[in-house]
Amino acid sequence: MDNISIESLLTNLPGLKVLKPSVTRQGEAQYFLVDTEKGQRQLAITASVGSPQLAQFSGQPHVVDNQRLLLCPLTAENATELRKQLDWLRPTTQGLRTGVGLGDRLGLATPGHLRAVHEAGGHLVPFPAQQSIREMSRTGRTPQQVMDDAMWGVFTEGWRSGFGADADHLKTPADIDSCLAVGYTFYTFDPGDYVESTVDTTDTPALHARFEALPWAQLADNPTTLAARYLSQPTICEEHTIRFDELTLMRAAVKYGRAIAQVVKMYLHLEQVGKGRDWEVEISVDETETPTTHAEHVYIATELRRLGVRWVSLAPRYIGRFEKGVDYIGDVDAFEEDMSVHAAIARTLGPYKLSLHSGSDKFSVYEAAARQTRGVVHLKTAGTSYLEALRTIARLDPELLRSIYTFARSRYETDRASYHVSAQLDRAPQPASLTDAALPTLLDQFDAREILHVTFGSVLTTQTATGQSTFYPHIMEVLRTHPDAYAADLQAHFLRHLRPFAKWSVAI
């Protein structure tokens, strides 16, 4: 059955548009997506009457010339069955391949993301399912919804080059369970709550006391054996020599010791509940107040390895500032010099990827990061896709964008509390100062961009006094009615992110 016969089957069902890249044959059945005149997307499956491939799907059946056409809503149950029948719609582990995390807070960005990955070339592997538990709670989404939205996007584009699914910034074993049940393959452990950043300014007597109070039993260690591992000889990482003295070692242990114990707890739980499944782990200590020194990086990697943890990616806290939705703030040359040592440590004590979290729009350091890691790197983006959605809306429905921006300004001082941002309301343009034609420029102004970024949860979940969603349905209507406009904005924006990494990308 070819595409022409598909069209002929649809002649009795006017108003359906076939998304041709999605058309897939498996056995005697063909699977594809269609859009209705009202912008509703459905899964369509054609097979001979009585085919077992149709049995587990729920939908509206039609019979034409002994062919059965089933039109199915995009439910979680139908998504699960489709993954069973089309293995390229299941995420897989990706190892040390150059990774690109493509967070999508609205569930509509994957087509634009994948078009950018395709155009960028190289050996980039996308992670279209990526959302932290914190972001899910703020947007009212579940791990299942995030996974399914990404999968439908992969199916829409007919993407068969493989992809990953990142269960991002997990803090508890329960977080692991909820994501494992859905089939995530990349588990990012965030022990940031256990990192003691204040040790950098703690006086020596207090530091000694905190050192002695570490959970030595959980770390399967004691102060004497710890000192013997690090103080007897330096760690050589290519041309770099990392030395510990007693004070440096105590600071590293106090700062990260409890975090190490938490990672081990999470890892052992994943080993137990994920037995027989394919998965890989990333460790994230990026959301802390102070940078991870090179000695601290050596400590983290050495202790995790000693305790049996295996990981493919690590996100240290780099020097400079990685604020949300804006370029790197700091000395780019100093960043590259710092990254060169972190990369040498990762190659020597791993190999493992270095991960750039809050990586959206950090254009000035992409080339340096990709070059110094030699492509063994993972970039994470999230909020920038939401911002590009607002750019699309600014052009197509200026009044909606103006209302969103006005509301975001009212929420900013509250919502910024859990983010490292420096935007100031008095530096951001006033809503009434911009013409409709100039509204898209809000997405290019530093302060307005951060204000819009960190208030996404409030914008997407706020309700009127009668319980009606204020902005969310209107946002989704604009984007679903104009999917190619949103995809084009995403494609253009993400090519700026991806090209430096594509240049250095590796397929390991």
Protein backbone atom coordinates (compact mmCIF):
# COMPACT_ATOMS: atom_id res chain seq x y z
CA MET A 1 0.00 0.00 0.00
CA ASP A 2 1.70 3.26 -1.07
CA ASN A 3 0.98 6.91 -0.26
CA ILE A 4 -1.48 7.15 -3.16
CA SER A 5 -3.61 4.35 -1.72
CA ILE A 6 -3.52 6.09 1.64
CA GLU A 7 -4.92 9.22 0.04
CA SER A 8 -7.57 7.16 -1.71
CA LEU A 9 -8.60 5.62 1.59
CA LEU A 10 -9.12 9.11 2.94
CA THR A 11 -11.31 10.29 0.08
CA ASN A 12 -14.42 9.42 2.06
CA LEU A 13 -13.05 11.35 5.06
CA PRO A 14 -12.52 14.89 3.74
CA GLY A 15 -10.54 17.44 5.70
CA LEU A 16 -7.70 15.15 6.76
CA LYS A 17 -4.16 16.16 5.89
CA VAL A 18 -1.50 13.42 5.91
CA LEU A 19 1.81 14.33 7.53
CA LYS A 20 3.90 12.55 4.93
CA PRO A 21 7.20 12.23 6.86
CA SER A 22 5.36 10.11 9.42
CA VAL A 23 4.16 7.44 6.97
CA THR A 24 5.64 4.11 8.09
CA ARG A 25 5.10 0.53 6.98
CA GLN A 26 5.46 -2.27 9.53
CA GLY A 27 4.36 -5.72 8.46
CA GLU A 28 1.07 -5.38 6.61
CA ALA A 29 0.10 -2.15 8.33
CA GLN A 30 0.91 1.48 7.68
CA TYR A 31 1.01 4.12 10.38
CA PHE A 32 0.88 7.87 9.90
CA LEU A 33 -0.40 11.09 11.40
CA VAL A 34 -3.18 13.28 10.07
CA ASP A 35 -4.38 16.75 10.93
CA THR A 36 -8.03 17.69 10.84
CA GLU A 37 -9.36 21.00 9.58
CA LYS A 38 -9.71 22.09 13.21
CA GLY A 39 -6.03 21.45 13.91
CA GLN A 40 -6.59 18.22 15.81
CA ARG A 41 -3.88 15.61 15.23
CA GLN A 42 -4.70 11.92 15.08
CA LEU A 43 -2.89 8.64 14.56
CA ALA A 44 -4.08 6.75 11.49
CA ILE A 45 -3.43 3.05 10.88
CA THR A 46 -4.37 1.09 7.78
CA ALA A 47 -4.33 -2.71 7.47
CA SER A 48 -6.48 -5.49 6.13
CA VAL A 49 -9.67 -6.22 8.02
CA GLY A 50 -8.89 -8.45 10.99
CA SER A 51 -5.19 -7.55 11.21
CA PRO A 52 -3.80 -8.21 14.70
CA GLN A 53 -1.70 -5.04 14.44
CA LEU A 54 -4.85 -2.99 14.98
CA ALA A 55 -6.19 -4.94 17.92
CA GLN A 56 -4.56 -2.99 20.77
CA PHE A 57 -5.30 0.52 19.49
CA SER A 58 -8.37 2.53 20.47
CA GLY A 59 -9.97 4.63 17.77
CA GLN A 60 -12.71 5.14 15.22
CA PRO A 61 -12.74 2.38 12.56
CA HIS A 62 -13.54 2.86 8.87
CA VAL A 63 -13.58 0.16 6.16
CA VAL A 64 -12.77 0.89 2.52
CA ASP A 65 -12.20 -1.87 -0.11
CA ASN A 66 -11.44 -4.50 2.53
CA GLN A 67 -8.92 -2.17 4.15
CA ARG A 68 -9.52 -1.02 7.68
CA LEU A 69 -8.60 2.54 8.57
CA LEU A 70 -8.40 3.31 12.27
CA LEU A 71 -8.30 6.95 13.39
CA CYS A 72 -6.96 7.15 16.94
CA PRO A 73 -6.61 9.98 19.44
CA LEU A 74 -3.10 10.68 20.69
CA THR A 75 -3.65 9.07 24.08
CA ALA A 76 -1.04 7.60 26.40
CA GLU A 77 -2.42 4.12 25.72
CA ASN A 78 -2.10 4.51 21.95
CA ALA A 79 1.38 5.99 22.35
CA THR A 80 2.47 3.00 24.44
CA GLU A 81 1.15 0.54 21.86
CA LEU A 82 2.77 2.44 18.99
CA ARG A 83 6.16 2.25 20.73
CA LYS A 84 5.71 -1.50 21.02
CA GLN A 85 5.11 -1.84 17.29
CA LEU A 86 7.64 0.72 16.00
CA ASP A 87 10.92 0.29 17.84
CA TRP A 88 12.45 3.50 16.44
CA LEU A 89 9.96 5.44 18.56
CA ARG A 90 11.57 4.09 21.74
CA PRO A 91 14.42 6.09 23.30
CA THR A 92 17.74 4.32 23.75
CA THR A 93 20.96 4.86 25.68
CA GLN A 94 23.49 6.97 23.77
CA GLY A 95 26.76 6.59 25.67
CA LEU A 96 29.42 9.18 24.83
CA ARG A 97 27.81 10.49 21.66
CA THR A 98 27.56 14.28 21.51
CA GLY A 99 24.19 14.92 23.14
CA VAL A 100 21.73 17.76 22.85
CA GLY A 101 19.00 18.03 25.47
CA LEU A 102 15.93 19.68 23.98
CA GLY A 103 13.56 20.49 26.80
CA ASP A 104 10.02 21.26 25.69
CA ARG A 105 7.69 22.80 28.24
CA LEU A 106 4.71 22.94 25.87
CA GLY A 107 5.06 19.56 24.18
CA LEU A 108 5.06 21.00 20.65
CA ALA A 109 8.72 21.79 19.99
CA THR A 110 10.17 18.44 18.88
CA PRO A 111 9.56 18.90 15.10
CA GLY A 112 11.46 22.20 15.10
CA HIS A 113 14.19 20.72 17.28
CA LEU A 114 14.72 17.75 15.01
CA ARG A 115 14.79 19.88 11.89
CA ALA A 116 17.58 21.91 13.47
CA VAL A 117 19.52 18.76 14.45
CA HIS A 118 19.16 17.44 10.90
CA GLU A 119 20.31 20.69 9.32
CA ALA A 120 23.23 21.08 11.74
CA GLY A 121 24.59 17.70 10.62
CA GLY A 122 27.47 15.92 12.33
CA HIS A 123 26.84 13.17 14.86
CA LEU A 124 24.54 14.98 17.26
CA VAL A 125 22.01 12.86 19.10
CA PRO A 126 18.85 14.62 20.33
CA PHE A 127 17.17 14.15 23.70
CA PRO A 128 13.68 15.52 22.90
CA ALA A 129 12.16 14.15 26.11
CA GLN A 130 13.83 16.23 28.80
CA GLN A 131 12.10 17.99 31.64
CA SER A 132 13.01 18.25 35.30
CA ILE A 133 10.63 17.18 38.02
CA ARG A 134 10.59 20.81 39.15
CA GLU A 135 9.51 21.98 35.69
CA MET A 136 6.88 19.26 35.45
CA SER A 137 5.35 20.39 38.72
CA ARG A 138 5.29 23.99 37.52
CA THR A 139 3.67 23.16 34.20
CA GLY A 140 1.28 20.49 35.50
CA ARG A 141 2.79 17.78 33.30
CA THR A 142 3.80 14.20 34.08
CA PRO A 143 6.76 12.07 32.94
CA GLN A 144 4.30 10.17 30.72
CA GLN A 145 3.11 13.34 29.01
CA VAL A 146 6.64 14.59 28.41
CA MET A 147 7.67 11.25 26.91
CA ASP A 148 4.56 10.96 24.74
CA ASP A 149 4.77 14.51 23.42
CA ALA A 150 8.39 13.91 22.40
CA MET A 151 7.50 10.60 20.77
CA TRP A 152 4.68 12.12 18.70
CA GLY A 153 7.16 14.77 17.55
CA VAL A 154 9.69 12.10 16.56
CA PHE A 155 6.92 10.30 14.66
CA THR A 156 5.78 13.53 12.99
CA GLU A 157 9.25 14.05 11.55
CA GLY A 158 9.92 10.39 10.74
CA TRP A 159 13.16 10.67 12.76
CA ARG A 160 14.91 7.29 12.73
CA SER A 161 18.44 8.21 13.76
CA GLY A 162 17.94 7.47 17.44
CA PHE A 163 17.17 9.64 20.44
CA GLY A 164 17.44 9.70 24.20
CA ALA A 165 15.02 10.56 26.99
CA ASP A 166 16.35 12.48 29.99
CA ALA A 167 14.70 12.14 33.38
CA ASP A 168 16.20 15.43 34.45
CA HIS A 169 17.25 16.72 37.87
CA LEU A 170 15.94 13.81 39.91
CA LYS A 171 16.27 14.25 43.66
CA THR A 172 14.57 11.19 45.20
CA PRO A 173 14.15 7.46 44.51
CA ALA A 174 10.45 8.15 43.91
CA ASP A 175 11.45 10.48 41.06
CA ILE A 176 13.39 7.60 39.52
CA ASP A 177 10.41 5.25 39.81
CA SER A 178 8.01 7.61 38.03
CA CYS A 179 10.37 8.05 35.08
CA LEU A 180 11.50 4.42 34.84
CA ALA A 181 7.87 3.34 34.53
CA VAL A 182 7.58 5.40 31.35
CA GLY A 183 10.82 4.23 29.73
CA TYR A 184 13.31 7.06 30.22
CA THR A 185 16.88 6.04 29.44
CA PHE A 186 19.05 8.89 30.81
CA TYR A 187 18.79 9.61 34.55
CA THR A 188 20.18 12.91 35.81
CA PHE A 189 20.77 12.77 39.57
CA ASP A 190 20.72 16.17 41.26
CA PRO A 191 22.23 16.02 44.77
CA GLY A 192 22.48 19.82 44.93
CA ASP A 193 20.55 19.95 48.21
CA TYR A 194 23.45 18.06 49.82
CA VAL A 195 26.28 20.25 48.48
CA GLU A 196 27.77 22.47 51.19
CA SER A 197 28.80 25.54 49.21
CA THR A 198 29.50 27.60 52.33
CA VAL A 199 32.70 25.64 53.05
CA ASP A 200 34.57 28.00 50.73
CA THR A 201 34.32 30.66 53.46
CA THR A 202 34.26 28.42 56.56
CA ASP A 203 37.12 28.91 59.03
CA THR A 204 39.47 26.00 59.67
CA PRO A 205 38.18 24.90 63.13
CA ALA A 206 34.58 24.79 61.87
CA LEU A 207 35.70 22.98 58.72
CA HIS A 208 37.46 20.31 60.85
CA ALA A 209 34.27 19.77 62.84
CA ARG A 210 32.15 19.37 59.72
CA PHE A 211 34.75 17.05 58.22
CA GLU A 212 34.65 14.77 61.25
CA ALA A 213 30.83 14.75 61.08
CA LEU A 214 30.65 13.45 57.50
CA PRO A 215 28.58 10.24 56.97
CA TRP A 216 31.69 8.08 56.84
CA ALA A 217 29.78 4.79 57.02
CA GLN A 218 27.68 5.72 53.97
CA LEU A 219 30.89 6.66 52.18
CA ALA A 220 32.58 3.37 53.18
CA ASP A 221 35.54 5.46 54.28
CA ASN A 222 37.34 7.20 57.13
CA PRO A 223 39.57 10.27 57.39
CA THR A 224 42.80 8.25 57.43
CA THR A 225 42.13 6.26 54.27
CA LEU A 226 40.76 9.34 52.53
CA ALA A 227 43.98 11.23 53.26
CA ALA A 228 46.08 8.31 52.06
CA ARG A 229 44.32 8.31 48.68
CA TYR A 230 44.82 11.99 47.93
CA LEU A 231 47.77 13.36 49.88
CA SER A 232 50.44 10.83 48.97
CA GLN A 233 50.70 11.78 45.31
CA PRO A 234 49.12 14.19 42.81
CA THR A 235 46.55 13.25 40.16
CA ILE A 236 47.95 13.62 36.65
CA CYS A 237 45.36 14.45 34.00
CA GLU A 238 47.19 14.78 30.70
CA GLU A 239 49.38 17.89 31.03
CA HIS A 240 47.62 19.04 34.21
CA THR A 241 48.72 18.14 37.73
CA ILE A 242 46.02 18.30 40.40
CA ARG A 243 47.42 18.46 43.93
CA PHE A 244 45.65 18.16 47.26
CA ASP A 245 46.81 19.49 50.58
CA GLU A 246 44.97 18.78 53.82
CA LEU A 247 42.81 21.91 53.60
CA THR A 248 41.89 21.41 49.94
CA LEU A 249 40.90 17.80 50.64
CA MET A 250 38.80 18.72 53.66
CA ARG A 251 36.97 21.42 51.71
CA ALA A 252 36.24 19.02 48.83
CA ALA A 253 35.00 16.30 51.19
CA VAL A 254 32.81 18.61 53.26
CA LYS A 255 31.44 20.38 50.19
CA TYR A 256 30.57 17.22 48.24
CA GLY A 257 30.74 14.26 50.64
CA ARG A 258 27.04 14.19 51.50
CA ALA A 259 26.17 14.73 47.85
CA ILE A 260 28.30 11.69 46.95
CA ALA A 261 26.40 9.62 49.52
CA GLN A 262 23.08 10.75 48.03
CA VAL A 263 24.18 9.87 44.49
CA VAL A 264 25.19 6.40 45.67
CA LYS A 265 21.77 5.95 47.29
CA MET A 266 20.03 7.00 44.07
CA TYR A 267 22.29 4.83 41.91
CA LEU A 268 21.75 1.70 44.01
CA HIS A 269 18.01 2.25 43.81
CA LEU A 270 18.14 2.60 40.02
CA GLU A 271 20.27 -0.54 39.79
CA GLN A 272 17.65 -2.43 41.73
CA VAL A 273 14.46 -1.19 40.08
CA GLY A 274 16.02 -0.90 36.62
CA LYS A 275 17.54 -4.37 36.52
CA GLY A 276 17.27 -5.82 33.04
CA ARG A 277 16.64 -2.40 31.48
CA ASP A 278 19.02 -0.18 29.52
CA TRP A 279 19.80 3.10 31.28
CA GLU A 280 22.63 5.52 31.87
CA VAL A 281 23.35 8.16 34.50
CA GLU A 282 24.37 11.80 34.61
CA ILE A 283 25.52 13.51 37.81
CA SER A 284 24.62 17.20 38.22
CA VAL A 285 26.19 19.53 40.77
CA ASP A 286 25.75 22.66 38.68
CA GLU A 287 22.97 24.36 40.65
CA THR A 288 25.22 25.46 43.51
CA GLU A 289 26.52 28.80 44.69
CA THR A 290 30.23 28.30 44.03
CA PRO A 291 32.20 26.77 41.13
CA THR A 292 33.51 23.23 41.20
CA THR A 293 37.30 23.48 41.40
CA HIS A 294 39.50 21.06 39.49
CA ALA A 295 40.48 19.36 42.75
CA GLU A 296 36.81 19.01 43.68
CA HIS A 297 36.08 17.51 40.26
CA VAL A 298 38.83 14.93 40.86
CA TYR A 299 37.36 14.18 44.30
CA ILE A 300 33.82 13.73 42.92
CA ALA A 301 34.90 11.43 40.09
CA THR A 302 37.31 9.40 42.20
CA GLU A 303 34.82 8.82 45.01
CA LEU A 304 31.93 7.93 42.72
CA ARG A 305 34.10 5.42 40.89
CA ARG A 306 35.39 3.94 44.18
CA LEU A 307 31.82 3.47 45.37
CA GLY A 308 30.73 1.64 42.23
CA VAL A 309 28.77 4.37 40.45
CA ARG A 310 28.99 4.33 36.66
CA TRP A 311 28.02 7.45 34.78
CA VAL A 312 28.27 8.85 31.25
CA SER A 313 27.97 12.56 31.97
CA LEU A 314 28.87 15.02 34.72
CA ALA A 315 27.72 18.63 35.10
CA PRO A 316 30.09 20.57 37.34
CA ARG A 317 29.43 24.16 38.37
CA TYR A 318 31.65 26.09 35.95
CA ILE A 319 33.18 29.49 36.53
CA GLY A 320 31.17 32.50 35.38
CA ARG A 321 27.39 32.66 35.41
CA PHE A 322 25.00 30.44 33.50
CA GLU A 323 21.81 32.42 33.93
CA LYS A 324 18.56 31.30 32.36
CA GLY A 325 17.88 32.19 28.74
CA VAL A 326 20.81 34.56 28.19
CA ASP A 327 24.42 34.33 27.05
CA TYR A 328 27.31 33.37 29.32
CA ILE A 329 28.26 36.08 31.79
CA GLY A 330 31.98 36.10 32.48
CA ASP A 331 35.41 35.95 30.87
CA VAL A 332 35.17 33.61 27.87
CA ASP A 333 38.92 32.99 27.73
CA ALA A 334 38.96 32.11 31.42
CA PHE A 335 36.04 29.76 30.85
CA GLU A 336 37.91 27.94 28.10
CA GLU A 337 41.03 27.60 30.22
CA ASP A 338 38.94 26.23 33.10
CA MET A 339 37.03 23.90 30.78
CA SER A 340 40.26 22.54 29.31
CA VAL A 341 41.25 21.17 32.72
CA HIS A 342 37.77 19.80 33.48
CA ALA A 343 37.82 18.05 30.09
CA ALA A 344 41.25 16.52 30.77
CA ILE A 345 39.98 15.22 34.12
CA ALA A 346 36.90 13.71 32.43
CA ARG A 347 39.05 11.95 29.83
CA THR A 348 41.50 10.64 32.44
CA LEU A 349 39.09 9.51 35.14
CA GLY A 350 36.34 8.42 32.73
CA PRO A 351 35.90 8.90 29.94
CA TYR A 352 32.60 10.68 30.45
CA LYS A 353 30.87 13.65 28.91
CA LEU A 354 30.87 17.09 30.47
CA SER A 355 27.39 18.57 30.54
CA LEU A 356 26.39 22.21 30.13
CA HIS A 357 23.24 22.82 32.17
CA SER A 358 21.27 26.02 31.79
CA GLY A 359 22.93 25.79 28.40
CA SER A 360 20.33 27.73 26.43
CA ASP A 361 21.69 30.71 24.51
CA LYS A 362 25.28 30.46 25.82
CA PHE A 363 26.53 31.19 22.30
CA SER A 364 29.84 32.74 23.33
CA VAL A 365 31.15 29.55 24.99
CA TYR A 366 29.78 26.78 22.75
CA GLU A 367 32.82 26.60 20.50
CA ALA A 368 35.19 26.52 23.48
CA ALA A 369 33.19 23.81 25.25
CA ALA A 370 32.92 21.63 22.16
CA ARG A 371 36.60 22.05 21.27
CA GLN A 372 38.02 21.40 24.74
CA THR A 373 35.85 18.32 25.31
CA ARG A 374 36.58 17.11 21.76
CA GLY A 375 32.86 16.61 21.31
CA VAL A 376 32.43 14.41 24.38
CA VAL A 377 29.87 16.83 25.72
CA HIS A 378 26.17 17.17 26.45
CA LEU A 379 24.26 20.43 26.02
CA LYS A 380 21.03 20.98 27.93
CA THR A 381 18.44 23.50 26.83
CA ALA A 382 14.88 24.01 28.04
CA GLY A 383 13.38 27.44 28.52
CA THR A 384 14.66 28.85 25.24
CA SER A 385 12.07 26.77 23.35
CA TYR A 386 9.31 28.34 25.43
CA LEU A 387 10.76 31.77 24.65
CA GLU A 388 10.73 30.98 20.94
CA ALA A 389 7.07 30.04 21.32
CA LEU A 390 6.50 33.52 22.72
CA ARG A 391 8.38 35.00 19.77
CA THR A 392 6.04 33.15 17.42
CA ILE A 393 3.03 34.41 19.39
CA ALA A 394 4.38 37.97 19.37
CA ARG A 395 4.13 37.97 15.57
CA LEU A 396 0.85 36.08 15.24
CA ASP A 397 -1.11 37.38 18.24
CA PRO A 398 0.57 40.53 19.62
CA GLU A 399 -2.18 41.23 22.16
CA LEU A 400 -1.74 37.79 23.72
CA LEU A 401 1.99 38.31 24.06
CA ARG A 402 1.47 41.76 25.57
CA SER A 403 -0.88 40.27 28.19
CA ILE A 404 1.60 37.48 28.99
CA TYR A 405 4.44 39.97 29.41
CA THR A 406 2.37 42.22 31.67
CA PHE A 407 1.49 39.25 33.86
CA ALA A 408 5.09 37.98 33.84
CA ARG A 409 6.30 41.33 35.16
CA SER A 410 3.85 41.06 38.04
CA ARG A 411 5.15 37.57 38.92
CA TYR A 412 8.87 38.09 38.42
CA GLU A 413 9.99 39.03 41.93
CA THR A 414 8.24 35.95 43.33
CA ASP A 415 9.18 33.46 40.63
CA ARG A 416 12.85 34.42 40.44
CA ALA A 417 13.49 33.02 43.94
CA SER A 418 14.56 29.56 42.74
CA TYR A 419 16.72 30.81 39.85
CA HIS A 420 20.10 32.47 39.46
CA VAL A 421 19.04 35.51 37.40
CA SER A 422 19.93 39.19 37.47
CA ALA A 423 17.18 40.82 35.37
CA GLN A 424 15.65 43.97 36.81
CA LEU A 425 12.12 45.14 36.17
CA ASP A 426 13.11 48.78 35.80
CA ARG A 427 15.48 47.93 32.95
CA ALA A 428 12.89 45.93 31.00
CA PRO A 429 10.64 47.76 28.50
CA GLN A 430 7.17 48.68 29.68
CA PRO A 431 4.41 46.75 27.85
CA ALA A 432 2.79 49.91 26.51
CA SER A 433 6.07 51.31 25.16
CA LEU A 434 6.26 48.81 22.28
CA THR A 435 4.22 48.73 19.11
CA ASP A 436 2.82 45.40 17.97
CA ALA A 437 5.54 45.20 15.33
CA ALA A 438 8.23 45.73 17.96
CA LEU A 439 6.93 43.14 20.44
CA PRO A 440 9.21 40.31 19.18
CA THR A 441 12.21 42.41 20.26
CA LEU A 442 11.28 41.65 23.88
CA LEU A 443 12.77 38.23 23.26
CA ASP A 444 16.13 39.85 22.48
CA GLN A 445 16.28 42.23 25.46
CA PHE A 446 18.22 40.76 28.41
CA ASP A 447 15.89 41.71 31.26
CA ALA A 448 12.62 41.04 29.45
CA ARG A 449 13.96 37.69 28.29
CA GLU A 450 14.80 36.52 31.81
CA ILE A 451 11.51 37.85 33.16
CA LEU A 452 9.59 35.85 30.57
CA HIS A 453 11.79 32.81 31.13
CA VAL A 454 11.46 32.33 34.88
CA THR A 455 7.73 33.06 35.02
CA PHE A 456 6.78 30.25 32.64
CA GLY A 457 5.16 28.16 35.37
CA SER A 458 2.90 30.98 36.49
CA VAL A 459 1.96 31.86 32.91
CA LEU A 460 1.09 28.28 32.00
CA THR A 461 -0.88 27.42 35.15
CA THR A 462 -2.55 30.63 36.33
CA GLN A 463 -6.34 30.55 36.41
CA THR A 464 -9.13 33.06 36.62
CA ALA A 465 -11.40 33.31 39.65
CA THR A 466 -13.78 30.87 37.94
CA GLY A 467 -11.06 28.26 37.46
CA GLN A 468 -10.44 28.88 33.76
CA SER A 469 -6.86 28.81 32.52
CA THR A 470 -5.81 32.36 31.71
CA PHE A 471 -3.14 31.92 29.05
CA TYR A 472 -2.40 28.24 28.37
CA PRO A 473 -5.24 27.36 25.95
CA HIS A 474 -4.64 30.51 23.93
CA ILE A 475 -0.90 29.81 23.68
CA MET A 476 -1.55 26.25 22.54
CA GLU A 477 -4.20 27.31 20.02
CA VAL A 478 -1.83 29.75 18.31
CA LEU A 479 1.02 27.23 18.14
CA ARG A 480 -1.15 24.31 17.03
CA THR A 481 -2.80 26.43 14.36
CA HIS A 482 0.61 27.55 13.06
CA PRO A 483 2.94 24.59 13.66
CA ASP A 484 5.29 25.43 10.79
CA ALA A 485 5.77 29.00 12.03
CA TYR A 486 6.80 27.73 15.47
CA ALA A 487 9.01 25.03 13.97
CA ALA A 488 10.73 27.58 11.73
CA ASP A 489 11.49 29.87 14.67
CA LEU A 490 12.88 26.94 16.64
CA GLN A 491 14.94 25.68 13.73
CA ALA A 492 16.58 29.05 13.16
CA HIS A 493 17.27 29.58 16.86
CA PHE A 494 18.64 26.12 17.53
CA LEU A 495 20.98 26.11 14.58
CA ARG A 496 22.92 28.80 16.46
CA HIS A 497 23.16 26.38 19.40
CA LEU A 498 23.99 23.26 17.45
CA ARG A 499 26.49 24.20 14.77
CA PRO A 500 29.50 24.54 17.12
CA PHE A 501 28.73 21.14 18.64
CA ALA A 502 28.08 19.50 15.27
CA LYS A 503 31.54 20.59 14.17
CA TRP A 504 33.17 18.64 17.01
CA SER A 505 30.53 15.93 17.43
CA VAL A 506 31.52 12.31 17.91
CA ALA A 507 29.65 9.07 17.30
CA ILE A 508 31.09 6.76 19.98
